[in-house]
Amino acid sequence: MKIKWLDKPQNHDYAAAVSYLSLMMSTQAAKTVADNLENADMTEFAAKDIFRASGLPLLGISNMHVEKDTNKITRNENLSPLLLYRDKICGKLVIADGYHRLCAVYKFDEDAMIPCKIV
């Protein structure tokens, strides 16, 4: 199954990234990261590599957000690209927005190339 993607993240994805990143840094720093993400070029990485770099667990179908994104994939709807942040202090990749989409995609193809923006 081919997974379809939007050409760029949606505006609300940046707000979601600020909300999440504000738990790890000041709100102003999170807004700066989101602004940098908005200006970053699109790129892509394999789903399995994003998981390995982030150190996060794979969420299962029992998660309602993963189920929602899984249904979008099966209905051939476009997903929004991921927003990624390189935490240089911890040496980890932070999925600022798109964790549930990543989990849904991984269930179909761990080698799938996922469009994203990264700073």
N, C-alpha and C. Protein backbone atom coordinates (compact mmCIF):
# COMPACT_ATOMS: atom_id res chain seq x y z
N MET A 1 0.85 -1.18 0.00
CA MET A 1 0.00 0.00 0.00
C MET A 1 0.89 1.25 0.00
N LYS A 2 0.62 2.15 -0.90
CA LYS A 2 1.37 3.40 -0.98
C LYS A 2 0.75 4.42 -0.02
N ILE A 3 1.56 4.97 0.82
CA ILE A 3 1.11 5.97 1.78
C ILE A 3 1.23 7.34 1.14
N LYS A 4 0.14 8.10 1.21
CA LYS A 4 0.10 9.41 0.57
C LYS A 4 0.38 10.50 1.60
N TRP A 5 1.07 11.54 1.15
CA TRP A 5 1.48 12.64 2.03
C TRP A 5 1.10 13.98 1.43
N LEU A 6 0.83 14.93 2.29
CA LEU A 6 0.68 16.32 1.87
C LEU A 6 2.05 16.84 1.47
N ASP A 7 2.08 17.90 0.68
CA ASP A 7 3.35 18.48 0.23
C ASP A 7 4.11 19.16 1.36
N LYS A 8 3.37 19.62 2.37
CA LYS A 8 4.02 20.31 3.49
C LYS A 8 3.14 20.14 4.74
N PRO A 9 3.74 20.34 5.91
CA PRO A 9 2.94 20.26 7.14
C PRO A 9 1.85 21.31 7.16
N GLN A 10 0.78 21.02 7.88
CA GLN A 10 -0.32 21.96 8.02
C GLN A 10 0.02 22.97 9.11
N ASN A 11 -0.62 24.13 9.06
CA ASN A 11 -0.34 25.19 10.03
C ASN A 11 -0.53 24.72 11.47
N HIS A 12 -1.56 23.94 11.73
CA HIS A 12 -1.81 23.50 13.11
C HIS A 12 -0.73 22.54 13.62
N ASP A 13 0.04 21.93 12.70
CA ASP A 13 1.14 21.06 13.12
C ASP A 13 2.23 21.85 13.85
N TYR A 14 2.45 23.08 13.41
CA TYR A 14 3.46 23.92 14.06
C TYR A 14 3.01 24.32 15.46
N ALA A 15 1.73 24.63 15.61
CA ALA A 15 1.19 24.96 16.93
C ALA A 15 1.28 23.75 17.86
N ALA A 16 1.01 22.56 17.32
CA ALA A 16 1.13 21.34 18.12
C ALA A 16 2.59 21.11 18.53
N ALA A 17 3.51 21.42 17.64
CA ALA A 17 4.93 21.28 17.97
C ALA A 17 5.33 22.23 19.09
N VAL A 18 4.84 23.45 19.04
CA VAL A 18 5.13 24.42 20.12
C VAL A 18 4.58 23.90 21.44
N SER A 19 3.36 23.41 21.42
CA SER A 19 2.74 22.89 22.64
C SER A 19 3.59 21.77 23.25
N TYR A 20 4.01 20.82 22.43
CA TYR A 20 4.82 19.70 22.91
C TYR A 20 6.21 20.16 23.36
N LEU A 21 6.87 20.93 22.52
CA LEU A 21 8.23 21.37 22.84
C LEU A 21 8.28 22.27 24.07
N SER A 22 7.18 22.97 24.37
CA SER A 22 7.13 23.83 25.56
C SER A 22 7.23 23.04 26.86
N LEU A 23 7.05 21.74 26.78
CA LEU A 23 7.25 20.89 27.96
C LEU A 23 8.72 20.65 28.24
N MET A 24 9.57 20.86 27.22
CA MET A 24 11.00 20.59 27.35
C MET A 24 11.87 21.84 27.36
N MET A 25 11.28 22.95 26.97
CA MET A 25 12.02 24.21 26.88
C MET A 25 11.04 25.34 27.10
N SER A 26 11.55 26.55 27.16
CA SER A 26 10.65 27.69 27.34
C SER A 26 9.72 27.83 26.13
N THR A 27 8.60 28.46 26.34
CA THR A 27 7.65 28.67 25.25
C THR A 27 8.31 29.46 24.12
N GLN A 28 9.10 30.46 24.48
CA GLN A 28 9.76 31.26 23.43
C GLN A 28 10.74 30.41 22.63
N ALA A 29 11.49 29.56 23.31
CA ALA A 29 12.43 28.68 22.60
C ALA A 29 11.67 27.72 21.69
N ALA A 30 10.54 27.20 22.18
CA ALA A 30 9.71 26.30 21.37
C ALA A 30 9.18 27.02 20.13
N LYS A 31 8.76 28.27 20.30
CA LYS A 31 8.28 29.05 19.16
C LYS A 31 9.40 29.28 18.14
N THR A 32 10.61 29.50 18.63
CA THR A 32 11.76 29.69 17.74
C THR A 32 12.02 28.41 16.94
N VAL A 33 11.96 27.26 17.61
CA VAL A 33 12.14 25.99 16.91
C VAL A 33 11.06 25.82 15.85
N ALA A 34 9.81 26.10 16.20
CA ALA A 34 8.70 25.97 15.25
C ALA A 34 8.90 26.90 14.05
N ASP A 35 9.36 28.13 14.30
CA ASP A 35 9.64 29.06 13.20
C ASP A 35 10.74 28.50 12.30
N ASN A 36 11.78 27.93 12.92
CA ASN A 36 12.87 27.33 12.15
C ASN A 36 12.37 26.14 11.33
N LEU A 37 11.47 25.35 11.93
CA LEU A 37 10.90 24.23 11.20
C LEU A 37 10.08 24.71 10.00
N GLU A 38 9.32 25.77 10.22
CA GLU A 38 8.49 26.29 9.14
C GLU A 38 9.34 26.74 7.96
N ASN A 39 10.53 27.26 8.23
CA ASN A 39 11.42 27.74 7.18
C ASN A 39 12.35 26.66 6.63
N ALA A 40 12.36 25.49 7.26
CA ALA A 40 13.25 24.40 6.83
C ALA A 40 12.74 23.76 5.54
N ASP A 41 13.67 23.19 4.80
CA ASP A 41 13.32 22.47 3.59
C ASP A 41 12.73 21.10 3.94
N MET A 42 11.92 20.59 3.05
CA MET A 42 11.40 19.24 3.21
C MET A 42 12.52 18.24 2.93
N THR A 43 12.51 17.14 3.67
CA THR A 43 13.43 16.03 3.46
C THR A 43 12.67 14.76 3.77
N GLU A 44 13.34 13.63 3.80
CA GLU A 44 12.67 12.40 4.19
C GLU A 44 13.65 11.43 4.82
N PHE A 45 13.11 10.59 5.71
CA PHE A 45 13.88 9.56 6.39
C PHE A 45 13.03 8.31 6.50
N ALA A 46 13.68 7.16 6.61
CA ALA A 46 12.96 5.90 6.79
C ALA A 46 12.31 5.87 8.17
N ALA A 47 11.10 5.31 8.23
CA ALA A 47 10.36 5.23 9.49
C ALA A 47 11.20 4.56 10.58
N LYS A 48 11.87 3.47 10.24
CA LYS A 48 12.65 2.74 11.25
C LYS A 48 13.80 3.59 11.79
N ASP A 49 14.38 4.43 10.95
CA ASP A 49 15.49 5.28 11.40
C ASP A 49 14.99 6.39 12.33
N ILE A 50 13.81 6.93 12.04
CA ILE A 50 13.24 7.96 12.91
C ILE A 50 12.98 7.36 14.29
N PHE A 51 12.42 6.15 14.32
CA PHE A 51 12.18 5.49 15.61
C PHE A 51 13.49 5.26 16.36
N ARG A 52 14.48 4.75 15.68
CA ARG A 52 15.76 4.46 16.36
C ARG A 52 16.38 5.73 16.92
N ALA A 53 16.36 6.81 16.15
CA ALA A 53 16.97 8.06 16.60
C ALA A 53 16.20 8.69 17.75
N SER A 54 14.89 8.47 17.79
CA SER A 54 14.08 9.09 18.84
C SER A 54 14.09 8.28 20.13
N GLY A 55 14.29 6.97 20.02
CA GLY A 55 14.26 6.12 21.19
C GLY A 55 12.86 5.89 21.74
N LEU A 56 11.83 6.27 20.99
CA LEU A 56 10.45 6.12 21.44
C LEU A 56 9.92 4.72 21.13
N PRO A 57 8.96 4.25 21.92
CA PRO A 57 8.34 2.96 21.63
C PRO A 57 7.29 3.10 20.53
N LEU A 58 7.01 2.00 19.88
CA LEU A 58 5.97 1.96 18.86
C LEU A 58 4.62 1.81 19.56
N LEU A 59 3.72 2.75 19.31
CA LEU A 59 2.37 2.66 19.86
C LEU A 59 1.54 1.73 19.00
N GLY A 60 0.67 0.95 19.62
CA GLY A 60 -0.15 -0.02 18.90
C GLY A 60 -1.48 0.54 18.44
N ILE A 61 -2.23 -0.32 17.79
CA ILE A 61 -3.53 0.05 17.24
C ILE A 61 -4.50 0.44 18.34
N SER A 62 -4.24 0.04 19.57
CA SER A 62 -5.16 0.38 20.66
C SER A 62 -5.13 1.88 20.98
N ASN A 63 -4.14 2.58 20.48
CA ASN A 63 -4.09 4.02 20.66
C ASN A 63 -5.04 4.67 19.64
N MET A 64 -5.97 5.47 20.13
CA MET A 64 -7.00 6.01 19.23
C MET A 64 -6.43 6.92 18.15
N HIS A 65 -5.35 7.63 18.43
CA HIS A 65 -4.76 8.51 17.41
C HIS A 65 -4.04 7.69 16.33
N VAL A 66 -3.39 6.63 16.74
CA VAL A 66 -2.75 5.74 15.76
C VAL A 66 -3.82 5.08 14.90
N GLU A 67 -4.91 4.66 15.52
CA GLU A 67 -6.01 4.04 14.78
C GLU A 67 -6.60 5.02 13.77
N LYS A 68 -6.75 6.28 14.18
CA LYS A 68 -7.28 7.31 13.28
C LYS A 68 -6.37 7.48 12.06
N ASP A 69 -5.06 7.53 12.30
CA ASP A 69 -4.12 7.69 11.19
C ASP A 69 -4.03 6.42 10.34
N THR A 70 -4.17 5.26 10.97
CA THR A 70 -4.20 4.00 10.22
C THR A 70 -5.40 3.99 9.28
N ASN A 71 -6.54 4.45 9.76
CA ASN A 71 -7.73 4.53 8.91
C ASN A 71 -7.54 5.49 7.75
N LYS A 72 -6.84 6.60 7.99
CA LYS A 72 -6.55 7.54 6.90
C LYS A 72 -5.73 6.85 5.81
N ILE A 73 -4.75 6.06 6.25
CA ILE A 73 -3.90 5.35 5.28
C ILE A 73 -4.73 4.38 4.46
N THR A 74 -5.57 3.60 5.11
CA THR A 74 -6.38 2.60 4.38
C THR A 74 -7.42 3.27 3.47
N ARG A 75 -7.85 4.49 3.83
CA ARG A 75 -8.79 5.23 2.97
C ARG A 75 -8.05 6.03 1.89
N ASN A 76 -6.73 5.88 1.83
CA ASN A 76 -5.90 6.54 0.84
C ASN A 76 -5.92 8.06 0.98
N GLU A 77 -6.03 8.54 2.23
CA GLU A 77 -6.00 9.98 2.51
C GLU A 77 -4.56 10.42 2.77
N ASN A 78 -4.29 11.68 2.52
CA ASN A 78 -2.96 12.24 2.73
C ASN A 78 -2.69 12.47 4.22
N LEU A 79 -1.47 12.16 4.63
CA LEU A 79 -1.01 12.47 5.98
C LEU A 79 -0.12 13.70 5.92
N SER A 80 -0.03 14.38 7.04
CA SER A 80 0.83 15.54 7.13
C SER A 80 2.26 15.09 7.47
N PRO A 81 3.27 15.68 6.84
CA PRO A 81 4.66 15.33 7.15
C PRO A 81 4.99 15.57 8.63
N LEU A 82 6.05 14.94 9.09
CA LEU A 82 6.48 15.06 10.48
C LEU A 82 7.33 16.31 10.69
N LEU A 83 7.35 16.78 11.92
CA LEU A 83 8.22 17.88 12.34
C LEU A 83 9.19 17.31 13.37
N LEU A 84 10.49 17.39 13.07
CA LEU A 84 11.52 16.77 13.89
C LEU A 84 12.52 17.80 14.40
N TYR A 85 12.98 17.58 15.63
CA TYR A 85 13.94 18.49 16.26
C TYR A 85 15.11 17.67 16.81
N ARG A 86 16.31 18.08 16.46
CA ARG A 86 17.51 17.41 16.98
C ARG A 86 17.90 18.04 18.32
N ASP A 87 17.70 17.29 19.40
CA ASP A 87 18.08 17.76 20.73
C ASP A 87 19.56 17.47 20.92
N LYS A 88 20.38 18.49 20.73
CA LYS A 88 21.83 18.32 20.78
C LYS A 88 22.34 18.01 22.19
N ILE A 89 21.61 18.45 23.20
CA ILE A 89 22.02 18.21 24.58
C ILE A 89 21.85 16.73 24.94
N CYS A 90 20.69 16.17 24.61
CA CYS A 90 20.40 14.76 24.94
C CYS A 90 20.86 13.79 23.85
N GLY A 91 21.16 14.31 22.68
CA GLY A 91 21.58 13.45 21.58
C GLY A 91 20.45 12.60 21.03
N LYS A 92 19.22 13.08 21.16
CA LYS A 92 18.06 12.34 20.69
C LYS A 92 17.29 13.17 19.67
N LEU A 93 16.55 12.46 18.86
CA LEU A 93 15.64 13.11 17.93
C LEU A 93 14.31 13.27 18.63
N VAL A 94 13.75 14.46 18.60
CA VAL A 94 12.45 14.73 19.20
C VAL A 94 11.43 14.83 18.07
N ILE A 95 10.37 14.04 18.17
CA ILE A 95 9.28 14.14 17.21
C ILE A 95 8.36 15.22 17.74
N ALA A 96 8.56 16.43 17.23
CA ALA A 96 7.80 17.58 17.72
C ALA A 96 6.33 17.47 17.32
N ASP A 97 6.06 16.88 16.16
CA ASP A 97 4.68 16.62 15.74
C ASP A 97 4.71 15.46 14.75
N GLY A 98 3.80 14.50 14.97
CA GLY A 98 3.66 13.40 14.02
C GLY A 98 3.95 12.02 14.57
N TYR A 99 4.11 11.89 15.89
CA TYR A 99 4.42 10.59 16.49
C TYR A 99 3.37 9.54 16.15
N HIS A 100 2.10 9.88 16.24
CA HIS A 100 1.04 8.91 15.95
C HIS A 100 1.02 8.53 14.47
N ARG A 101 1.29 9.51 13.61
CA ARG A 101 1.36 9.21 12.17
C ARG A 101 2.51 8.25 11.90
N LEU A 102 3.65 8.49 12.54
CA LEU A 102 4.81 7.62 12.38
C LEU A 102 4.47 6.19 12.80
N CYS A 103 3.80 6.04 13.93
CA CYS A 103 3.43 4.70 14.40
C CYS A 103 2.50 4.01 13.42
N ALA A 104 1.55 4.75 12.87
CA ALA A 104 0.61 4.18 11.89
C ALA A 104 1.35 3.73 10.63
N VAL A 105 2.24 4.56 10.14
CA VAL A 105 2.99 4.23 8.93
C VAL A 105 3.86 3.00 9.16
N TYR A 106 4.51 2.94 10.30
CA TYR A 106 5.43 1.85 10.61
C TYR A 106 4.72 0.50 10.55
N LYS A 107 3.45 0.46 10.93
CA LYS A 107 2.69 -0.78 10.90
C LYS A 107 2.55 -1.31 9.47
N PHE A 108 2.54 -0.42 8.49
CA PHE A 108 2.40 -0.83 7.10
C PHE A 108 3.75 -1.13 6.46
N ASP A 109 4.76 -0.32 6.82
CA ASP A 109 6.07 -0.48 6.16
C ASP A 109 7.14 0.24 6.98
N GLU A 110 7.95 -0.53 7.69
CA GLU A 110 8.99 0.10 8.51
C GLU A 110 10.05 0.78 7.67
N ASP A 111 10.16 0.41 6.40
CA ASP A 111 11.13 1.04 5.49
C ASP A 111 10.55 2.25 4.76
N ALA A 112 9.28 2.57 5.01
CA ALA A 112 8.65 3.69 4.31
C ALA A 112 9.44 4.97 4.53
N MET A 113 9.60 5.71 3.46
CA MET A 113 10.26 7.00 3.55
C MET A 113 9.21 8.04 3.94
N ILE A 114 9.50 8.76 5.02
CA ILE A 114 8.53 9.70 5.58
C ILE A 114 9.01 11.12 5.33
N PRO A 115 8.19 11.93 4.65
CA PRO A 115 8.56 13.33 4.45
C PRO A 115 8.49 14.08 5.78
N CYS A 116 9.43 14.98 5.96
CA CYS A 116 9.48 15.72 7.22
C CYS A 116 10.31 16.99 7.05
N LYS A 117 10.23 17.79 8.08
CA LYS A 117 11.12 18.94 8.24
C LYS A 117 11.90 18.67 9.51
N ILE A 118 13.19 19.02 9.50
CA ILE A 118 14.04 18.76 10.65
C ILE A 118 14.99 19.93 10.89
N VAL A 119 15.12 20.28 12.14
CA VAL A 119 16.10 21.31 12.55
C VAL A 119 16.86 20.81 13.76
